[in-house]
Amino acid sequence: MQNRREFLKSSLLAAGGIMIGGTGLSTSAYAKVKKANDIIKVGLIGFSDRARSSLIPCFMANAKDMGFEIVAVSDIWSLRREEAVKYFKETWGIDVKTFRNNEELYDSKMCDAVIISTADFQHATHLTEAAKAGKDAYCEKPFAETMDDAKMALKAVKKAGIVVQIGSQRRSAPNYMAAEEYIKSGKFGPITMVEMSWNVNQPGRWRRPNLVPKCFEKDLDWKRFLCNRPYEDFDPRKYLEYRLFWPYSSGIPGQWMSHQIDTVHWFTGYNHPRSVAANGGIYCWKDGRRNQDTLTAVFDYGSEDMSDGFQVVYSSRFHNSAGGVKELYFSNGGTLNLDTNEVTSEGGLQENYAKAMGMEANLLETFTLPSVNVGTEANLGKDPMTTLHMRNWMECVRTRRETHAPIEAGYNHSIATIMCNAAVRTGEKATFDEKSQNVIVAGKVFKY
């Protein structure tokens, strides 16, 4: 059995592998095995704020030595296309060709792969389009906001055999990889409960007040934006601030919870909860939004025969940042804290309480998980997890190996987020039907 020193050493070695794409080669060695003219040409689907602030810089940090380049941008808004040309030229010295929609992009046959950074509800549709075009894809989370969309994209990706990385970047972080290995080693003991939170005090979160007045229907393709959602008249707020409006986004579940609940699936092997109960509302920011500014959900996980399991409590608020972002895993022996990256005996079974019941104390050994700041030749920039995650996708595009966050990871986090969204919107407990792969509320399939 591994001791603490051996465990940490193996975790750090694994983390080092992530940073050069999981090949075990240094960046310079990897560069030597690539063909000199073997450049992977990438198209960007959606010139979004997320693309500019993180995805593109993280891509560019890896592009040169991995042999990738961005050559095209597809966006349905003329303003974004104009901004894209200027941004790539001035920031990166790159000339990109722009397209009004994805059909034009794929018809051009310019790219080998795509990065999908569009509105939450569009991800599954755009990934399906990429699969049908035979393009590998880095797809932002949430993977899907309805089960119909999730099943559609999963089927298309499986049929096409493309390489997909879902934007659940925790899966490429050394501390999370070490936590997953530690839990699965059995040393932590059975998980008995998980507590997660994501709290901010940001009235402008997901708002675009300065941009909304510049958005006009004549400059974009509103019907194409709606994809398969029910028709509504053009509204620049729904276009630019979609995260505030169901059914274009579930808000908190799809944006934030999907990241954290994914670690539960990854660490435990469960694909989805047995049930979800949730409550929430718009308690502070009365700005016309449809999605909650406060939400609390309780997930029940475990085997169908109820022989084992644990509870996950998730909470999020937009109007008070106390507590920040937390991920705490509990066992009878202690606590794994992914905020401090520490495993401690906090809360473990003390000797005096154990002895009274004829039991032995159960206290975990304290140690610190490896951080993201381990040695690497890559420039991790301001978003190290996404830089590593992007690099893993690039390596897998070349090797055709499975990425750290494959399509199944996205499908499974979508089940959990859709169950949560269904529960909070209906006030009923949500369950999942394995046979039909549908979320069920009050005996009916949840749609919108």
Protein backbone atom coordinates (compact mmCIF):
# COMPACT_ATOMS: atom_id res chain seq x y z
CA MET A 1 0.00 0.00 0.00
CA GLN A 2 1.27 3.50 -0.90
CA ASN A 3 2.35 5.71 1.95
CA ARG A 4 1.78 9.47 1.93
CA ARG A 5 5.15 10.29 0.35
CA GLU A 6 4.68 7.73 -2.45
CA PHE A 7 1.12 8.94 -3.10
CA LEU A 8 2.16 12.57 -3.45
CA LYS A 9 5.10 11.63 -5.68
CA SER A 10 2.89 9.65 -8.05
CA SER A 11 0.32 12.47 -8.11
CA LEU A 12 2.97 15.04 -9.03
CA LEU A 13 4.31 12.80 -11.78
CA ALA A 14 0.80 12.43 -13.16
CA ALA A 15 0.32 16.19 -13.00
CA GLY A 16 3.54 16.72 -14.94
CA GLY A 17 2.15 14.41 -17.61
CA ILE A 18 -0.92 16.58 -17.92
CA MET A 19 1.10 19.66 -18.58
CA ILE A 20 2.71 18.26 -21.65
CA GLY A 21 -0.46 16.60 -22.84
CA GLY A 22 -0.19 13.30 -21.00
CA THR A 23 2.53 11.99 -23.34
CA GLY A 24 5.38 11.77 -20.83
CA LEU A 25 7.49 13.88 -23.21
CA SER A 26 8.87 17.34 -22.59
CA THR A 27 7.62 20.12 -24.85
CA SER A 28 10.87 20.14 -26.83
CA ALA A 29 10.83 16.36 -27.25
CA TYR A 30 7.19 16.39 -28.34
CA ALA A 31 7.94 19.06 -30.94
CA LYS A 32 10.47 16.76 -32.60
CA VAL A 33 7.93 14.02 -33.30
CA LYS A 34 5.49 16.30 -35.10
CA LYS A 35 5.61 16.68 -38.84
CA ALA A 36 6.94 20.10 -39.79
CA ASN A 37 3.86 20.98 -41.88
CA ASP A 38 1.29 19.15 -39.77
CA ILE A 39 -0.66 22.17 -38.54
CA ILE A 40 -4.10 21.68 -37.01
CA LYS A 41 -6.35 24.50 -38.22
CA VAL A 42 -9.03 25.56 -35.75
CA GLY A 43 -12.24 27.52 -36.13
CA LEU A 44 -13.76 29.47 -33.24
CA ILE A 45 -17.54 29.10 -32.87
CA GLY A 46 -18.69 32.24 -31.05
CA PHE A 47 -16.44 35.22 -30.37
CA SER A 48 -17.64 35.44 -26.78
CA ASP A 49 -16.35 37.13 -23.63
CA ARG A 50 -15.27 33.71 -22.35
CA ALA A 51 -13.33 33.10 -25.57
CA ARG A 52 -11.46 36.38 -25.29
CA SER A 53 -10.77 36.28 -21.57
CA SER A 54 -9.65 32.66 -21.31
CA LEU A 55 -10.11 30.18 -24.15
CA ILE A 56 -8.11 32.04 -26.79
CA PRO A 57 -5.20 33.01 -24.48
CA CYS A 58 -5.06 29.42 -23.18
CA PHE A 59 -5.12 28.12 -26.74
CA MET A 60 -2.37 30.51 -27.81
CA ALA A 61 -0.20 29.51 -24.83
CA ASN A 62 -0.02 26.02 -26.34
CA ALA A 63 -0.52 26.66 -30.05
CA LYS A 64 3.03 27.12 -31.31
CA ASP A 65 4.69 24.05 -29.84
CA MET A 66 1.59 21.88 -30.32
CA GLY A 67 1.21 22.88 -33.95
CA PHE A 68 -2.25 24.48 -33.82
CA GLU A 69 -3.54 27.75 -35.22
CA ILE A 70 -6.85 29.63 -35.26
CA VAL A 71 -7.83 30.46 -38.83
CA ALA A 72 -11.53 31.31 -38.71
CA VAL A 73 -14.33 32.70 -36.55
CA SER A 74 -18.04 31.99 -36.89
CA ASP A 75 -20.44 34.42 -35.22
CA ILE A 76 -24.00 35.43 -36.13
CA TRP A 77 -23.52 39.07 -35.01
CA SER A 78 -21.70 41.42 -37.39
CA LEU A 79 -20.24 43.42 -34.48
CA ARG A 80 -18.57 40.32 -33.04
CA ARG A 81 -17.13 39.39 -36.43
CA GLU A 82 -15.63 42.85 -36.80
CA GLU A 83 -14.25 42.70 -33.28
CA ALA A 84 -12.75 39.27 -33.94
CA VAL A 85 -10.76 40.46 -36.95
CA LYS A 86 -9.38 43.41 -34.99
CA TYR A 87 -8.66 41.38 -31.85
CA PHE A 88 -6.73 38.60 -33.54
CA LYS A 89 -4.71 41.01 -35.66
CA GLU A 90 -3.82 43.44 -32.87
CA THR A 91 -3.40 40.93 -30.03
CA TRP A 92 -1.91 37.90 -31.77
CA GLY A 93 -0.82 39.10 -35.21
CA ILE A 94 -3.22 36.66 -36.86
CA ASP A 95 -5.47 37.20 -39.88
CA VAL A 96 -8.71 35.25 -39.41
CA LYS A 97 -11.55 34.75 -41.86
CA THR A 98 -15.03 35.34 -40.47
CA PHE A 99 -18.27 33.54 -41.26
CA ARG A 100 -21.89 34.47 -40.57
CA ASN A 101 -22.77 30.98 -39.34
CA ASN A 102 -21.42 27.48 -38.87
CA GLU A 103 -22.73 26.20 -42.19
CA GLU A 104 -20.56 28.71 -44.01
CA LEU A 105 -17.58 27.80 -41.85
CA TYR A 106 -17.87 24.06 -42.49
CA ASP A 107 -18.59 24.58 -46.20
CA SER A 108 -15.29 26.46 -46.46
CA LYS A 109 -13.39 23.35 -45.30
CA MET A 110 -10.85 25.67 -43.66
CA CYS A 111 -10.63 23.96 -40.29
CA ASP A 112 -9.82 20.57 -38.81
CA ALA A 113 -11.27 21.28 -35.38
CA VAL A 114 -13.39 23.85 -33.56
CA ILE A 115 -13.68 25.57 -30.19
CA ILE A 116 -17.33 26.04 -29.21
CA SER A 117 -17.94 29.11 -27.03
CA THR A 118 -21.55 30.08 -27.64
CA ALA A 119 -24.64 30.47 -25.44
CA ASP A 120 -25.27 27.68 -22.90
CA PHE A 121 -28.31 26.21 -24.66
CA GLN A 122 -26.52 26.13 -28.03
CA HIS A 123 -23.53 23.97 -27.04
CA ALA A 124 -25.18 20.63 -27.80
CA THR A 125 -26.52 21.83 -31.16
CA HIS A 126 -23.17 23.26 -32.20
CA LEU A 127 -21.33 20.14 -31.05
CA THR A 128 -23.76 18.03 -33.09
CA GLU A 129 -22.98 20.18 -36.13
CA ALA A 130 -19.25 19.74 -35.53
CA ALA A 131 -19.64 15.97 -35.25
CA LYS A 132 -21.60 15.77 -38.50
CA ALA A 133 -18.88 17.84 -40.16
CA GLY A 134 -16.22 15.49 -38.76
CA LYS A 135 -14.48 18.20 -36.70
CA ASP A 136 -12.86 17.54 -33.32
CA ALA A 137 -14.18 19.95 -30.71
CA TYR A 138 -13.39 21.71 -27.47
CA CYS A 139 -16.88 22.45 -26.14
CA GLU A 140 -17.60 24.78 -23.26
CA LYS A 141 -19.86 23.63 -20.45
CA PRO A 142 -22.68 23.08 -19.77
CA PHE A 143 -22.80 20.31 -22.33
CA ALA A 144 -26.60 20.53 -22.60
CA GLU A 145 -29.55 22.15 -20.82
CA THR A 146 -32.20 19.60 -21.89
CA MET A 147 -32.02 15.82 -22.16
CA ASP A 148 -33.20 15.94 -25.78
CA ASP A 149 -30.19 18.08 -26.64
CA ALA A 150 -27.85 15.93 -24.55
CA LYS A 151 -28.97 12.71 -26.23
CA MET A 152 -28.76 14.30 -29.68
CA ALA A 153 -25.16 15.46 -29.20
CA LEU A 154 -24.00 12.24 -27.53
CA LYS A 155 -25.35 10.16 -30.41
CA ALA A 156 -23.76 12.41 -33.04
CA VAL A 157 -20.34 12.43 -31.34
CA LYS A 158 -20.32 8.66 -30.86
CA LYS A 159 -21.26 8.08 -34.49
CA ALA A 160 -18.63 10.48 -35.82
CA GLY A 161 -15.82 9.34 -33.51
CA ILE A 162 -14.49 12.86 -33.06
CA VAL A 163 -12.26 13.89 -30.16
CA VAL A 164 -14.20 16.03 -27.69
CA GLN A 165 -13.05 17.92 -24.63
CA ILE A 166 -15.85 19.30 -22.45
CA GLY A 167 -14.83 22.52 -20.68
CA SER A 168 -14.79 20.98 -17.20
CA GLN A 169 -11.24 22.14 -16.61
CA ARG A 170 -10.96 20.83 -13.05
CA ARG A 171 -10.26 17.46 -14.66
CA SER A 172 -6.91 18.74 -15.89
CA ALA A 173 -5.78 20.25 -12.59
CA PRO A 174 -3.14 18.38 -10.54
CA ASN A 175 -4.90 18.91 -7.21
CA TYR A 176 -8.17 17.48 -8.51
CA MET A 177 -6.40 14.57 -10.18
CA ALA A 178 -4.62 13.82 -6.91
CA ALA A 179 -7.91 14.04 -5.01
CA GLU A 180 -9.54 11.61 -7.44
CA GLU A 181 -6.66 9.15 -7.06
CA TYR A 182 -6.71 9.51 -3.27
CA ILE A 183 -10.45 8.87 -2.95
CA LYS A 184 -10.38 5.92 -5.32
CA SER A 185 -7.40 4.42 -3.45
CA GLY A 186 -9.73 3.82 -0.51
CA LYS A 187 -7.62 5.80 1.96
CA PHE A 188 -10.29 8.46 2.42
CA GLY A 189 -12.97 5.92 3.18
CA PRO A 190 -16.53 6.02 1.83
CA ILE A 191 -17.78 9.52 1.09
CA THR A 192 -20.61 10.34 3.48
CA MET A 193 -21.41 13.91 2.42
CA VAL A 194 -20.27 16.70 0.11
CA GLU A 195 -20.82 20.43 0.62
CA MET A 196 -20.35 22.85 -2.27
CA SER A 197 -20.92 26.57 -2.63
CA TRP A 198 -20.30 29.37 -5.13
CA ASN A 199 -21.03 32.82 -3.73
CA VAL A 200 -20.42 36.27 -5.20
CA ASN A 201 -21.69 39.81 -4.59
CA GLN A 202 -21.76 41.11 -8.13
CA PRO A 203 -24.88 42.95 -9.37
CA GLY A 204 -23.32 43.04 -12.84
CA ARG A 205 -22.66 39.30 -13.03
CA TRP A 206 -23.84 38.09 -16.45
CA ARG A 207 -25.15 41.59 -17.26
CA ARG A 208 -23.99 43.59 -20.32
CA PRO A 209 -25.59 47.05 -19.80
CA ASN A 210 -23.09 48.88 -21.98
CA LEU A 211 -23.42 46.46 -24.89
CA VAL A 212 -27.19 45.92 -24.95
CA PRO A 213 -27.91 49.35 -26.54
CA LYS A 214 -25.56 48.47 -29.41
CA CYS A 215 -27.35 45.23 -30.28
CA PHE A 216 -29.95 45.38 -33.09
CA GLU A 217 -31.85 42.57 -34.77
CA LYS A 218 -30.83 43.76 -38.24
CA ASP A 219 -27.17 43.02 -37.39
CA LEU A 220 -27.62 39.40 -36.34
CA ASP A 221 -29.50 36.20 -37.10
CA TRP A 222 -32.05 36.01 -34.26
CA LYS A 223 -33.79 32.86 -35.53
CA ARG A 224 -30.49 31.05 -35.77
CA PHE A 225 -29.68 32.17 -32.23
CA LEU A 226 -32.89 30.56 -30.94
CA CYS A 227 -31.85 27.16 -32.38
CA ASN A 228 -34.50 24.71 -31.19
CA ARG A 229 -36.00 26.87 -28.44
CA PRO A 230 -39.59 28.22 -28.62
CA TYR A 231 -39.82 31.42 -30.64
CA GLU A 232 -39.69 34.76 -28.81
CA ASP A 233 -39.46 38.22 -30.30
CA PHE A 234 -35.99 39.70 -30.48
CA ASP A 235 -34.63 40.91 -27.17
CA PRO A 236 -31.02 42.12 -26.95
CA ARG A 237 -30.91 41.22 -23.25
CA LYS A 238 -31.77 37.59 -23.98
CA TYR A 239 -29.12 37.58 -26.69
CA LEU A 240 -26.33 39.14 -24.61
CA GLU A 241 -27.44 38.26 -21.07
CA TYR A 242 -28.76 34.79 -21.89
CA ARG A 243 -27.42 33.34 -18.62
CA LEU A 244 -30.19 35.22 -16.81
CA PHE A 245 -33.02 33.79 -18.92
CA TRP A 246 -34.39 30.26 -19.07
CA PRO A 247 -34.62 28.41 -21.49
CA TYR A 248 -31.41 29.93 -22.90
CA SER A 249 -29.55 29.01 -19.72
CA SER A 250 -30.41 27.41 -16.41
CA GLY A 251 -28.19 30.02 -14.76
CA ILE A 252 -26.58 28.79 -11.55
CA PRO A 253 -26.94 25.02 -12.25
CA GLY A 254 -25.48 25.12 -15.75
CA GLN A 255 -22.90 27.83 -15.23
CA TRP A 256 -21.41 27.04 -11.84
CA MET A 257 -22.85 23.87 -10.38
CA SER A 258 -21.97 21.85 -13.49
CA HIS A 259 -18.26 22.37 -12.72
CA GLN A 260 -18.52 21.22 -9.13
CA ILE A 261 -21.01 18.37 -9.51
CA ASP A 262 -18.76 16.95 -12.23
CA THR A 263 -16.08 16.28 -9.61
CA VAL A 264 -18.57 14.17 -7.65
CA HIS A 265 -19.17 11.98 -10.70
CA TRP A 266 -15.45 11.80 -11.46
CA PHE A 267 -14.36 10.93 -7.92
CA THR A 268 -17.10 8.37 -7.23
CA GLY A 269 -17.96 6.78 -10.57
CA TYR A 270 -21.66 7.63 -10.24
CA ASN A 271 -23.14 8.96 -13.47
CA HIS A 272 -25.94 10.98 -11.91
CA PRO A 273 -27.92 11.51 -8.70
CA ARG A 274 -30.74 9.26 -7.57
CA SER A 275 -32.83 12.36 -6.83
CA VAL A 276 -32.61 16.14 -6.46
CA ALA A 277 -34.66 18.58 -4.39
CA ALA A 278 -34.06 22.31 -4.80
CA ASN A 279 -35.39 25.73 -3.93
CA GLY A 280 -34.44 29.25 -4.90
CA GLY A 281 -35.62 32.58 -6.14
CA ILE A 282 -34.82 36.14 -7.19
CA TYR A 283 -34.37 37.72 -3.78
CA CYS A 284 -32.07 40.65 -4.49
CA TRP A 285 -31.47 41.60 -8.12
CA LYS A 286 -34.92 42.55 -9.47
CA ASP A 287 -33.71 43.36 -12.97
CA GLY A 288 -36.12 41.34 -15.11
CA ARG A 289 -34.15 38.10 -15.03
CA ARG A 290 -35.85 34.71 -15.07
CA ASN A 291 -33.09 32.71 -13.39
CA GLN A 292 -32.53 32.64 -9.65
CA ASP A 293 -30.01 34.82 -7.83
CA THR A 294 -30.08 32.37 -4.90
CA LEU A 295 -30.34 28.58 -5.03
CA THR A 296 -29.91 25.61 -2.71
CA ALA A 297 -30.09 22.01 -3.89
CA VAL A 298 -29.81 18.64 -2.17
CA PHE A 299 -28.62 15.65 -4.22
CA ASP A 300 -28.89 12.02 -3.22
CA TYR A 301 -26.24 9.73 -4.73
CA GLY A 302 -25.77 6.00 -4.46
CA SER A 303 -26.68 2.61 -5.88
CA GLU A 304 -30.27 1.93 -6.92
CA ASP A 305 -30.71 -0.74 -4.23
CA MET A 306 -29.97 1.95 -1.59
CA SER A 307 -27.17 -0.17 -0.12
CA ASP A 308 -24.84 2.80 -0.10
CA GLY A 309 -24.82 6.49 -0.84
CA PHE A 310 -24.21 10.02 0.33
CA GLN A 311 -25.70 13.49 0.13
CA VAL A 312 -24.46 16.56 -1.74
CA VAL A 313 -25.63 20.00 -0.57
CA TYR A 314 -25.04 22.79 -3.09
CA SER A 315 -25.72 26.48 -2.50
CA SER A 316 -25.08 29.65 -4.46
CA ARG A 317 -25.91 33.32 -4.01
CA PHE A 318 -25.23 36.43 -6.08
CA HIS A 319 -25.72 39.07 -3.36
CA ASN A 320 -23.24 38.17 -0.61
CA SER A 321 -19.82 36.66 -1.24
CA ALA A 322 -19.22 35.24 2.24
CA GLY A 323 -17.87 31.71 1.97
CA GLY A 324 -16.73 32.14 -1.63
CA VAL A 325 -16.27 28.95 -3.63
CA LYS A 326 -16.02 25.77 -1.58
CA GLU A 327 -15.80 22.03 -2.26
CA LEU A 328 -15.68 19.88 0.86
CA TYR A 329 -15.74 16.07 0.85
CA PHE A 330 -16.45 14.30 4.15
CA SER A 331 -15.84 10.75 5.34
CA ASN A 332 -16.01 9.20 8.81
CA GLY A 333 -12.26 9.83 9.10
CA GLY A 334 -12.00 13.49 8.12
CA THR A 335 -12.29 16.11 5.40
CA LEU A 336 -10.92 16.74 1.91
CA ASN A 337 -10.96 20.48 1.25
CA LEU A 338 -10.45 21.48 -2.39
CA ASP A 339 -10.30 25.16 -1.44
CA THR A 340 -7.20 24.72 0.73
CA ASN A 341 -6.08 21.53 -1.08
CA GLU A 342 -5.74 19.77 2.25
CA VAL A 343 -6.77 16.41 3.63
CA THR A 344 -7.24 16.60 7.40
CA SER A 345 -8.72 14.62 10.26
CA GLU A 346 -11.21 17.43 10.92
CA GLY A 347 -14.53 15.92 11.94
CA GLY A 348 -13.12 12.39 12.06
CA LEU A 349 -14.14 9.83 14.66
CA GLN A 350 -12.34 10.68 17.91
CA GLU A 351 -10.99 7.99 20.23
CA ASN A 352 -13.28 8.81 23.18
CA TYR A 353 -16.44 8.55 21.08
CA ALA A 354 -15.21 5.43 19.30
CA LYS A 355 -14.16 3.64 22.49
CA ALA A 356 -17.58 4.14 24.07
CA MET A 357 -19.07 2.10 21.23
CA GLY A 358 -16.34 -0.55 21.19
CA MET A 359 -14.79 0.93 18.07
CA GLU A 360 -11.40 2.36 17.14
CA ALA A 361 -10.70 5.99 16.33
CA ASN A 362 -10.80 6.90 12.64
CA LEU A 363 -8.61 9.90 11.86
CA LEU A 364 -7.08 10.63 8.47
CA GLU A 365 -3.43 11.57 8.10
CA THR A 366 -3.06 15.26 7.29
CA PHE A 367 -1.35 16.23 4.04
CA THR A 368 -1.52 18.76 1.22
CA LEU A 369 -2.53 17.93 -2.34
CA PRO A 370 -0.22 19.07 -5.15
CA SER A 371 -1.10 22.48 -6.57
CA VAL A 372 -1.28 23.59 -10.17
CA ASN A 373 2.08 25.35 -9.78
CA VAL A 374 4.27 22.33 -10.47
CA GLY A 375 7.10 22.56 -12.97
CA THR A 376 6.14 22.97 -16.61
CA GLU A 377 7.54 24.41 -19.79
CA ALA A 378 4.10 25.66 -20.81
CA ASN A 379 2.99 29.23 -20.10
CA LEU A 380 -0.03 28.69 -17.85
CA GLY A 381 -1.02 32.36 -17.79
CA LYS A 382 -3.90 33.66 -15.66
CA ASP A 383 -6.06 30.54 -16.10
CA PRO A 384 -3.76 27.56 -15.49
CA MET A 385 -6.49 24.91 -15.32
CA THR A 386 -7.94 25.90 -18.69
CA THR A 387 -4.45 26.14 -20.20
CA LEU A 388 -3.78 22.55 -19.13
CA HIS A 389 -7.22 21.47 -20.27
CA MET A 390 -6.76 23.03 -23.70
CA ARG A 391 -3.37 21.39 -24.03
CA ASN A 392 -4.81 17.98 -23.20
CA TRP A 393 -7.40 18.44 -25.96
CA MET A 394 -4.70 19.36 -28.47
CA GLU A 395 -2.63 16.31 -27.59
CA CYS A 396 -5.65 14.04 -27.89
CA VAL A 397 -6.58 15.50 -31.27
CA ARG A 398 -3.17 14.31 -32.44
CA THR A 399 -3.05 10.94 -30.67
CA ARG A 400 -6.81 10.16 -30.86
CA ARG A 401 -6.76 9.25 -27.19
CA GLU A 402 -9.65 10.05 -24.85
CA THR A 403 -9.53 13.51 -23.30
CA HIS A 404 -9.66 14.24 -19.58
CA ALA A 405 -13.29 15.39 -19.94
CA PRO A 406 -14.83 13.18 -22.65
CA ILE A 407 -18.36 13.39 -23.96
CA GLU A 408 -19.69 11.12 -21.20
CA ALA A 409 -18.50 13.57 -18.54
CA GLY A 410 -20.54 16.31 -20.17
CA TYR A 411 -23.57 14.08 -20.61
CA ASN A 412 -23.48 13.11 -16.94
CA HIS A 413 -23.05 16.62 -15.55
CA SER A 414 -25.97 17.66 -17.74
CA ILE A 415 -28.21 15.04 -16.15
CA ALA A 416 -27.44 16.50 -12.71
CA THR A 417 -27.88 20.12 -13.77
CA ILE A 418 -31.13 19.38 -15.61
CA MET A 419 -32.45 17.51 -12.56
CA CYS A 420 -31.55 20.50 -10.38
CA ASN A 421 -33.12 22.96 -12.81
CA ALA A 422 -36.28 20.84 -12.99
CA ALA A 423 -36.54 20.62 -9.22
CA VAL A 424 -36.10 24.34 -8.57
CA ARG A 425 -38.54 25.35 -11.32
CA THR A 426 -41.32 22.94 -10.38
CA GLY A 427 -40.86 22.71 -6.61
CA GLU A 428 -40.94 18.91 -6.97
CA LYS A 429 -38.26 16.28 -6.41
CA ALA A 430 -36.56 15.25 -9.67
CA THR A 431 -35.47 11.71 -10.52
CA PHE A 432 -33.92 10.07 -13.57
CA ASP A 433 -35.32 7.26 -15.70
CA GLU A 434 -32.46 5.06 -16.89
CA LYS A 435 -34.44 3.36 -19.65
CA SER A 436 -35.65 6.50 -21.40
CA GLN A 437 -32.77 8.70 -20.23
CA ASN A 438 -35.18 11.40 -19.16
CA VAL A 439 -35.52 13.62 -16.09
CA ILE A 440 -38.82 12.92 -14.33
CA VAL A 441 -40.81 15.34 -12.16
CA ALA A 442 -44.20 14.40 -10.68
CA GLY A 443 -44.40 11.44 -13.05
CA LYS A 444 -43.81 13.54 -16.18
CA VAL A 445 -40.78 14.14 -18.41
CA PHE A 446 -39.26 17.57 -17.78
CA LYS A 447 -38.80 19.64 -20.96
CA TYR A 448 -38.90 23.38 -20.22
